[in-house]
Amino acid sequence: MKRAMDLVREAEEHIVTLSLEEVSAAMSDDYTVIVDIRDVRELWREGKVPGAVHSPRGMNEFWIDTESPYHKPMYAPENRGKRFILYCGGAWRSALEAKMFKEMGIENVAHMAGGFSAWKEAGLPVERVEQKPPK
């Protein structure tokens, strides 16, 4: 049986990991999309990287698949020339997710070393996320 960290290590062999500095520099790049894959409650509690879009880990396979009723235009084939930089809390979920993005045809994907915990610890900017009442 594989352990969770075995899967993370295997994923890291197939993906690109960017430093906090590289992600920070990419924030102003129009061809880069910074993607927060954490649960929405983590965003409400801790905030996010400024300008990051929320794309929760539990939905991405369906949002990427163009034949899914849940497909999101952000992941449409015409947008796949963009670079997607994923992050989570500690860079474990984002490693697994980056590998899955590649498997689903989004080749220009990377994840952020250390995750949001490292981002905050480095004193980098954080954008608050307000909790919105359900519709």
N, C-alpha and C. Protein backbone atom coordinates (compact mmCIF):
# COMPACT_ATOMS: atom_id res chain seq x y z
N MET A 1 0.84 -1.19 0.00
CA MET A 1 0.00 0.00 0.00
C MET A 1 0.88 1.25 0.00
N LYS A 2 0.54 2.20 -0.83
CA LYS A 2 1.25 3.47 -0.85
C LYS A 2 0.72 4.37 0.26
N ARG A 3 1.60 5.15 0.82
CA ARG A 3 1.25 6.14 1.83
C ARG A 3 1.04 7.48 1.11
N ALA A 4 0.37 8.38 1.78
CA ALA A 4 0.10 9.70 1.19
C ALA A 4 1.39 10.39 0.75
N MET A 5 2.41 10.37 1.59
CA MET A 5 3.65 11.06 1.26
C MET A 5 4.40 10.36 0.11
N ASP A 6 4.16 9.06 -0.08
CA ASP A 6 4.72 8.39 -1.25
C ASP A 6 4.13 9.00 -2.52
N LEU A 7 2.83 9.24 -2.50
CA LEU A 7 2.16 9.83 -3.65
C LEU A 7 2.67 11.25 -3.91
N VAL A 8 2.88 12.01 -2.83
CA VAL A 8 3.41 13.38 -2.98
C VAL A 8 4.80 13.33 -3.60
N ARG A 9 5.67 12.46 -3.09
CA ARG A 9 7.04 12.36 -3.63
C ARG A 9 7.01 11.94 -5.10
N GLU A 10 6.15 11.00 -5.45
CA GLU A 10 6.04 10.57 -6.85
C GLU A 10 5.56 11.73 -7.73
N ALA A 11 4.59 12.49 -7.24
CA ALA A 11 4.08 13.63 -8.01
C ALA A 11 5.19 14.64 -8.24
N GLU A 12 6.00 14.90 -7.20
CA GLU A 12 7.06 15.90 -7.30
C GLU A 12 8.12 15.54 -8.34
N GLU A 13 8.21 14.27 -8.70
CA GLU A 13 9.15 13.84 -9.74
C GLU A 13 8.69 14.27 -11.13
N HIS A 14 7.41 14.62 -11.26
CA HIS A 14 6.82 14.90 -12.57
C HIS A 14 6.36 16.34 -12.73
N ILE A 15 6.56 17.16 -11.72
CA ILE A 15 6.03 18.53 -11.76
C ILE A 15 7.14 19.54 -11.48
N VAL A 16 6.82 20.79 -11.72
CA VAL A 16 7.73 21.90 -11.45
C VAL A 16 7.34 22.51 -10.10
N THR A 17 8.34 22.77 -9.27
CA THR A 17 8.13 23.45 -8.00
C THR A 17 8.81 24.80 -8.08
N LEU A 18 8.04 25.85 -7.78
CA LEU A 18 8.58 27.21 -7.83
C LEU A 18 8.81 27.73 -6.41
N SER A 19 9.84 28.54 -6.26
CA SER A 19 10.11 29.17 -4.96
C SER A 19 9.09 30.27 -4.69
N LEU A 20 9.04 30.70 -3.45
CA LEU A 20 8.16 31.82 -3.09
C LEU A 20 8.51 33.06 -3.90
N GLU A 21 9.80 33.28 -4.10
CA GLU A 21 10.25 34.45 -4.87
C GLU A 21 9.76 34.37 -6.32
N GLU A 22 9.83 33.18 -6.91
CA GLU A 22 9.37 33.01 -8.29
C GLU A 22 7.87 33.25 -8.39
N VAL A 23 7.11 32.77 -7.42
CA VAL A 23 5.66 32.97 -7.43
C VAL A 23 5.35 34.45 -7.22
N SER A 24 6.03 35.07 -6.29
CA SER A 24 5.82 36.50 -6.04
C SER A 24 6.08 37.31 -7.31
N ALA A 25 7.14 37.00 -8.02
CA ALA A 25 7.48 37.71 -9.26
C ALA A 25 6.43 37.45 -10.34
N ALA A 26 5.80 36.28 -10.33
CA ALA A 26 4.81 35.92 -11.35
C ALA A 26 3.46 36.58 -11.13
N MET A 27 3.26 37.19 -9.97
CA MET A 27 1.96 37.78 -9.65
C MET A 27 1.55 38.86 -10.66
N SER A 28 2.51 39.54 -11.27
CA SER A 28 2.19 40.61 -12.21
C SER A 28 2.20 40.15 -13.67
N ASP A 29 2.41 38.87 -13.90
CA ASP A 29 2.46 38.32 -15.25
C ASP A 29 1.05 38.00 -15.73
N ASP A 30 0.63 38.64 -16.83
CA ASP A 30 -0.72 38.43 -17.37
C ASP A 30 -0.96 37.02 -17.87
N TYR A 31 0.12 36.27 -18.12
CA TYR A 31 -0.02 34.90 -18.63
C TYR A 31 0.10 33.85 -17.54
N THR A 32 0.06 34.30 -16.29
CA THR A 32 0.13 33.38 -15.16
C THR A 32 -1.14 33.50 -14.34
N VAL A 33 -1.68 32.34 -13.96
CA VAL A 33 -2.85 32.29 -13.09
C VAL A 33 -2.40 31.60 -11.81
N ILE A 34 -2.49 32.29 -10.70
CA ILE A 34 -2.16 31.70 -9.41
C ILE A 34 -3.44 31.13 -8.83
N VAL A 35 -3.40 29.84 -8.50
CA VAL A 35 -4.60 29.09 -8.15
C VAL A 35 -4.49 28.55 -6.73
N ASP A 36 -5.42 28.96 -5.88
CA ASP A 36 -5.51 28.47 -4.51
C ASP A 36 -6.46 27.27 -4.54
N ILE A 37 -5.95 26.09 -4.19
CA ILE A 37 -6.77 24.88 -4.27
C ILE A 37 -7.33 24.47 -2.90
N ARG A 38 -7.09 25.30 -1.88
CA ARG A 38 -7.54 24.94 -0.53
C ARG A 38 -9.05 25.00 -0.40
N ASP A 39 -9.53 24.41 0.67
CA ASP A 39 -10.94 24.48 1.02
C ASP A 39 -11.30 25.94 1.32
N VAL A 40 -12.50 26.34 0.96
CA VAL A 40 -12.92 27.73 1.13
C VAL A 40 -12.80 28.18 2.59
N ARG A 41 -13.00 27.28 3.53
CA ARG A 41 -12.87 27.66 4.95
C ARG A 41 -11.45 28.07 5.29
N GLU A 42 -10.45 27.50 4.61
CA GLU A 42 -9.06 27.91 4.81
C GLU A 42 -8.85 29.33 4.30
N LEU A 43 -9.47 29.66 3.18
CA LEU A 43 -9.37 31.02 2.65
C LEU A 43 -10.00 32.02 3.61
N TRP A 44 -11.18 31.70 4.10
CA TRP A 44 -11.86 32.60 5.04
C TRP A 44 -11.02 32.82 6.29
N ARG A 45 -10.41 31.77 6.77
CA ARG A 45 -9.65 31.83 8.03
C ARG A 45 -8.30 32.53 7.85
N GLU A 46 -7.61 32.25 6.73
CA GLU A 46 -6.22 32.69 6.60
C GLU A 46 -5.96 33.71 5.51
N GLY A 47 -6.90 33.90 4.58
CA GLY A 47 -6.66 34.77 3.44
C GLY A 47 -6.01 33.97 2.32
N LYS A 48 -5.51 34.69 1.31
CA LYS A 48 -4.92 34.04 0.13
C LYS A 48 -3.84 34.93 -0.46
N VAL A 49 -3.11 34.38 -1.40
CA VAL A 49 -2.15 35.16 -2.17
C VAL A 49 -2.95 36.20 -2.96
N PRO A 50 -2.57 37.47 -2.90
CA PRO A 50 -3.33 38.50 -3.62
C PRO A 50 -3.50 38.17 -5.11
N GLY A 51 -4.75 38.26 -5.55
CA GLY A 51 -5.06 38.00 -6.95
C GLY A 51 -5.26 36.54 -7.31
N ALA A 52 -5.00 35.64 -6.37
CA ALA A 52 -5.18 34.20 -6.66
C ALA A 52 -6.65 33.90 -6.88
N VAL A 53 -6.92 32.94 -7.77
CA VAL A 53 -8.28 32.47 -7.97
C VAL A 53 -8.48 31.21 -7.15
N HIS A 54 -9.70 31.04 -6.66
CA HIS A 54 -9.99 29.84 -5.88
C HIS A 54 -10.54 28.77 -6.80
N SER A 55 -9.91 27.61 -6.78
CA SER A 55 -10.32 26.48 -7.59
C SER A 55 -10.11 25.24 -6.71
N PRO A 56 -11.13 24.88 -5.94
CA PRO A 56 -10.95 23.85 -4.90
C PRO A 56 -10.59 22.48 -5.44
N ARG A 57 -9.72 21.83 -4.71
CA ARG A 57 -9.18 20.54 -5.12
C ARG A 57 -10.26 19.52 -5.45
N GLY A 58 -11.33 19.53 -4.78
CA GLY A 58 -12.39 18.55 -5.01
C GLY A 58 -13.17 18.73 -6.30
N MET A 59 -12.98 19.88 -6.98
CA MET A 59 -13.75 20.15 -8.20
C MET A 59 -12.92 20.25 -9.46
N ASN A 60 -11.62 20.32 -9.34
CA ASN A 60 -10.79 20.65 -10.50
C ASN A 60 -10.89 19.67 -11.66
N GLU A 61 -10.99 18.39 -11.40
CA GLU A 61 -11.13 17.43 -12.50
C GLU A 61 -12.36 17.78 -13.34
N PHE A 62 -13.43 18.16 -12.68
CA PHE A 62 -14.68 18.48 -13.37
C PHE A 62 -14.63 19.85 -14.02
N TRP A 63 -13.90 20.79 -13.43
CA TRP A 63 -13.77 22.13 -13.99
C TRP A 63 -12.85 22.12 -15.21
N ILE A 64 -11.86 21.24 -15.23
CA ILE A 64 -10.92 21.15 -16.35
C ILE A 64 -11.54 20.42 -17.54
N ASP A 65 -12.30 19.37 -17.30
CA ASP A 65 -12.87 18.53 -18.36
C ASP A 65 -13.88 19.33 -19.19
N THR A 66 -13.58 19.52 -20.46
CA THR A 66 -14.45 20.32 -21.33
C THR A 66 -15.81 19.65 -21.57
N GLU A 67 -15.92 18.37 -21.30
CA GLU A 67 -17.20 17.69 -21.49
C GLU A 67 -18.02 17.61 -20.20
N SER A 68 -17.48 18.11 -19.13
CA SER A 68 -18.18 18.09 -17.85
C SER A 68 -19.19 19.24 -17.78
N PRO A 69 -20.35 19.01 -17.17
CA PRO A 69 -21.30 20.12 -17.01
C PRO A 69 -20.76 21.19 -16.06
N TYR A 70 -19.69 20.91 -15.36
CA TYR A 70 -19.11 21.86 -14.41
C TYR A 70 -17.88 22.59 -14.98
N HIS A 71 -17.56 22.34 -16.25
CA HIS A 71 -16.37 22.94 -16.87
C HIS A 71 -16.34 24.46 -16.67
N LYS A 72 -15.14 24.98 -16.36
CA LYS A 72 -14.93 26.42 -16.17
C LYS A 72 -14.10 26.97 -17.33
N PRO A 73 -14.50 28.10 -17.89
CA PRO A 73 -13.76 28.69 -19.01
C PRO A 73 -12.28 28.96 -18.69
N MET A 74 -11.96 29.19 -17.45
CA MET A 74 -10.56 29.43 -17.07
C MET A 74 -9.67 28.29 -17.56
N TYR A 75 -10.22 27.07 -17.62
CA TYR A 75 -9.45 25.90 -18.02
C TYR A 75 -9.73 25.46 -19.45
N ALA A 76 -10.39 26.30 -20.23
CA ALA A 76 -10.70 25.95 -21.62
C ALA A 76 -9.42 25.81 -22.42
N PRO A 77 -9.44 25.00 -23.47
CA PRO A 77 -8.24 24.79 -24.29
C PRO A 77 -7.57 26.09 -24.75
N GLU A 78 -8.34 27.12 -25.06
CA GLU A 78 -7.73 28.38 -25.52
C GLU A 78 -6.97 29.11 -24.41
N ASN A 79 -7.18 28.73 -23.17
CA ASN A 79 -6.45 29.34 -22.05
C ASN A 79 -5.30 28.49 -21.56
N ARG A 80 -5.07 27.37 -22.19
CA ARG A 80 -4.04 26.46 -21.70
C ARG A 80 -2.63 26.89 -22.05
N GLY A 81 -2.50 28.01 -22.77
CA GLY A 81 -1.18 28.58 -23.00
C GLY A 81 -0.68 29.35 -21.78
N LYS A 82 -1.60 29.61 -20.86
CA LYS A 82 -1.22 30.30 -19.64
C LYS A 82 -0.49 29.34 -18.71
N ARG A 83 0.25 29.92 -17.78
CA ARG A 83 0.90 29.10 -16.76
C ARG A 83 0.02 29.13 -15.52
N PHE A 84 -0.25 27.96 -14.96
CA PHE A 84 -1.04 27.83 -13.75
C PHE A 84 -0.10 27.45 -12.61
N ILE A 85 -0.09 28.28 -11.57
CA ILE A 85 0.72 28.00 -10.38
C ILE A 85 -0.24 27.69 -9.25
N LEU A 86 -0.16 26.46 -8.75
CA LEU A 86 -1.07 26.00 -7.71
C LEU A 86 -0.41 26.11 -6.34
N TYR A 87 -1.25 26.33 -5.32
CA TYR A 87 -0.74 26.23 -3.96
C TYR A 87 -1.85 25.76 -3.03
N CYS A 88 -1.41 25.17 -1.93
CA CYS A 88 -2.32 24.74 -0.86
C CYS A 88 -1.70 25.22 0.45
N GLY A 89 -2.00 24.56 1.55
CA GLY A 89 -1.47 24.99 2.83
C GLY A 89 0.00 24.66 3.02
N GLY A 90 0.42 23.47 2.59
CA GLY A 90 1.79 23.04 2.86
C GLY A 90 2.51 22.40 1.70
N ALA A 91 1.97 22.51 0.49
CA ALA A 91 2.59 22.03 -0.75
C ALA A 91 2.47 20.52 -0.95
N TRP A 92 1.57 19.88 -0.25
CA TRP A 92 1.35 18.45 -0.49
C TRP A 92 0.18 18.26 -1.45
N ARG A 93 -0.95 18.88 -1.13
CA ARG A 93 -2.11 18.76 -2.02
C ARG A 93 -1.82 19.36 -3.38
N SER A 94 -1.09 20.47 -3.39
CA SER A 94 -0.80 21.13 -4.67
C SER A 94 0.13 20.28 -5.54
N ALA A 95 1.01 19.51 -4.94
CA ALA A 95 1.86 18.60 -5.72
C ALA A 95 0.99 17.56 -6.42
N LEU A 96 0.09 16.96 -5.67
CA LEU A 96 -0.82 15.96 -6.24
C LEU A 96 -1.70 16.58 -7.33
N GLU A 97 -2.17 17.79 -7.05
CA GLU A 97 -3.07 18.47 -7.99
C GLU A 97 -2.33 18.87 -9.27
N ALA A 98 -1.10 19.34 -9.14
CA ALA A 98 -0.33 19.72 -10.33
C ALA A 98 -0.11 18.52 -11.24
N LYS A 99 0.17 17.38 -10.65
CA LYS A 99 0.33 16.15 -11.44
C LYS A 99 -0.97 15.82 -12.18
N MET A 100 -2.10 15.97 -11.50
CA MET A 100 -3.39 15.69 -12.12
C MET A 100 -3.66 16.69 -13.26
N PHE A 101 -3.34 17.97 -13.06
CA PHE A 101 -3.52 18.96 -14.13
C PHE A 101 -2.77 18.50 -15.38
N LYS A 102 -1.53 18.07 -15.21
CA LYS A 102 -0.73 17.60 -16.35
C LYS A 102 -1.40 16.40 -17.01
N GLU A 103 -1.89 15.48 -16.20
CA GLU A 103 -2.55 14.28 -16.74
C GLU A 103 -3.80 14.65 -17.54
N MET A 104 -4.42 15.79 -17.20
CA MET A 104 -5.63 16.22 -17.89
C MET A 104 -5.33 17.22 -19.01
N GLY A 105 -4.05 17.37 -19.37
CA GLY A 105 -3.70 18.17 -20.54
C GLY A 105 -3.25 19.59 -20.28
N ILE A 106 -3.19 20.01 -19.03
CA ILE A 106 -2.68 21.34 -18.71
C ILE A 106 -1.20 21.18 -18.38
N GLU A 107 -0.38 21.36 -19.40
CA GLU A 107 1.06 21.08 -19.27
C GLU A 107 1.83 22.16 -18.54
N ASN A 108 1.43 23.41 -18.71
CA ASN A 108 2.18 24.53 -18.13
C ASN A 108 1.67 24.79 -16.71
N VAL A 109 2.01 23.87 -15.82
CA VAL A 109 1.54 23.94 -14.43
C VAL A 109 2.73 23.74 -13.50
N ALA A 110 2.67 24.41 -12.37
CA ALA A 110 3.69 24.27 -11.33
C ALA A 110 2.99 24.42 -9.99
N HIS A 111 3.74 24.16 -8.93
CA HIS A 111 3.18 24.44 -7.61
C HIS A 111 4.21 25.18 -6.78
N MET A 112 3.72 25.82 -5.71
CA MET A 112 4.54 26.70 -4.89
C MET A 112 5.15 25.93 -3.72
N ALA A 113 6.46 26.00 -3.62
CA ALA A 113 7.18 25.35 -2.52
C ALA A 113 6.69 25.89 -1.17
N GLY A 114 6.43 24.98 -0.26
CA GLY A 114 6.07 25.38 1.10
C GLY A 114 4.62 25.76 1.30
N GLY A 115 3.89 26.02 0.22
CA GLY A 115 2.49 26.36 0.31
C GLY A 115 2.23 27.70 0.99
N PHE A 116 0.97 27.94 1.32
CA PHE A 116 0.56 29.22 1.90
C PHE A 116 1.18 29.44 3.28
N SER A 117 1.45 28.37 4.00
CA SER A 117 2.10 28.51 5.30
C SER A 117 3.46 29.19 5.14
N ALA A 118 4.24 28.76 4.17
CA ALA A 118 5.55 29.36 3.92
C ALA A 118 5.39 30.79 3.42
N TRP A 119 4.38 31.03 2.60
CA TRP A 119 4.11 32.38 2.08
C TRP A 119 3.90 33.35 3.25
N LYS A 120 3.03 32.98 4.17
CA LYS A 120 2.75 33.85 5.32
C LYS A 120 3.98 34.00 6.21
N GLU A 121 4.67 32.90 6.45
CA GLU A 121 5.86 32.92 7.30
C GLU A 121 6.93 33.85 6.73
N ALA A 122 7.00 33.96 5.41
CA ALA A 122 7.97 34.83 4.76
C ALA A 122 7.55 36.30 4.80
N GLY A 123 6.35 36.56 5.32
CA GLY A 123 5.87 37.94 5.41
C GLY A 123 5.39 38.52 4.09
N LEU A 124 5.06 37.65 3.15
CA LEU A 124 4.56 38.10 1.85
C LEU A 124 3.11 38.55 1.99
N PRO A 125 2.61 39.36 1.06
CA PRO A 125 1.27 39.94 1.20
C PRO A 125 0.16 38.89 1.20
N VAL A 126 -0.86 39.17 1.98
CA VAL A 126 -2.02 38.29 2.10
C VAL A 126 -3.28 39.12 1.87
N GLU A 127 -4.16 38.58 1.05
CA GLU A 127 -5.45 39.22 0.77
C GLU A 127 -6.53 38.54 1.59
N ARG A 128 -7.29 39.33 2.31
CA ARG A 128 -8.40 38.76 3.10
C ARG A 128 -9.49 38.25 2.16
N VAL A 129 -10.18 37.21 2.59
CA VAL A 129 -11.30 36.65 1.83
C VAL A 129 -12.51 36.68 2.75
N GLU A 130 -13.51 37.45 2.36
CA GLU A 130 -14.72 37.58 3.16
C GLU A 130 -15.62 36.37 2.96
N GLN A 131 -16.19 35.91 4.04
CA GLN A 131 -17.15 34.81 3.96
C GLN A 131 -18.46 35.37 3.43
N LYS A 132 -18.95 34.75 2.37
CA LYS A 132 -20.20 35.20 1.76
C LYS A 132 -21.33 34.27 2.18
N PRO A 133 -22.49 34.84 2.51
CA PRO A 133 -23.61 33.97 2.88
C PRO A 133 -24.07 33.15 1.67
N PRO A 134 -24.56 31.93 1.93
CA PRO A 134 -25.03 31.09 0.80
C PRO A 134 -26.17 31.77 0.07
N LYS A 135 -26.23 31.51 -1.24
CA LYS A 135 -27.29 32.09 -2.08
C LYS A 135 -28.54 31.27 -2.00
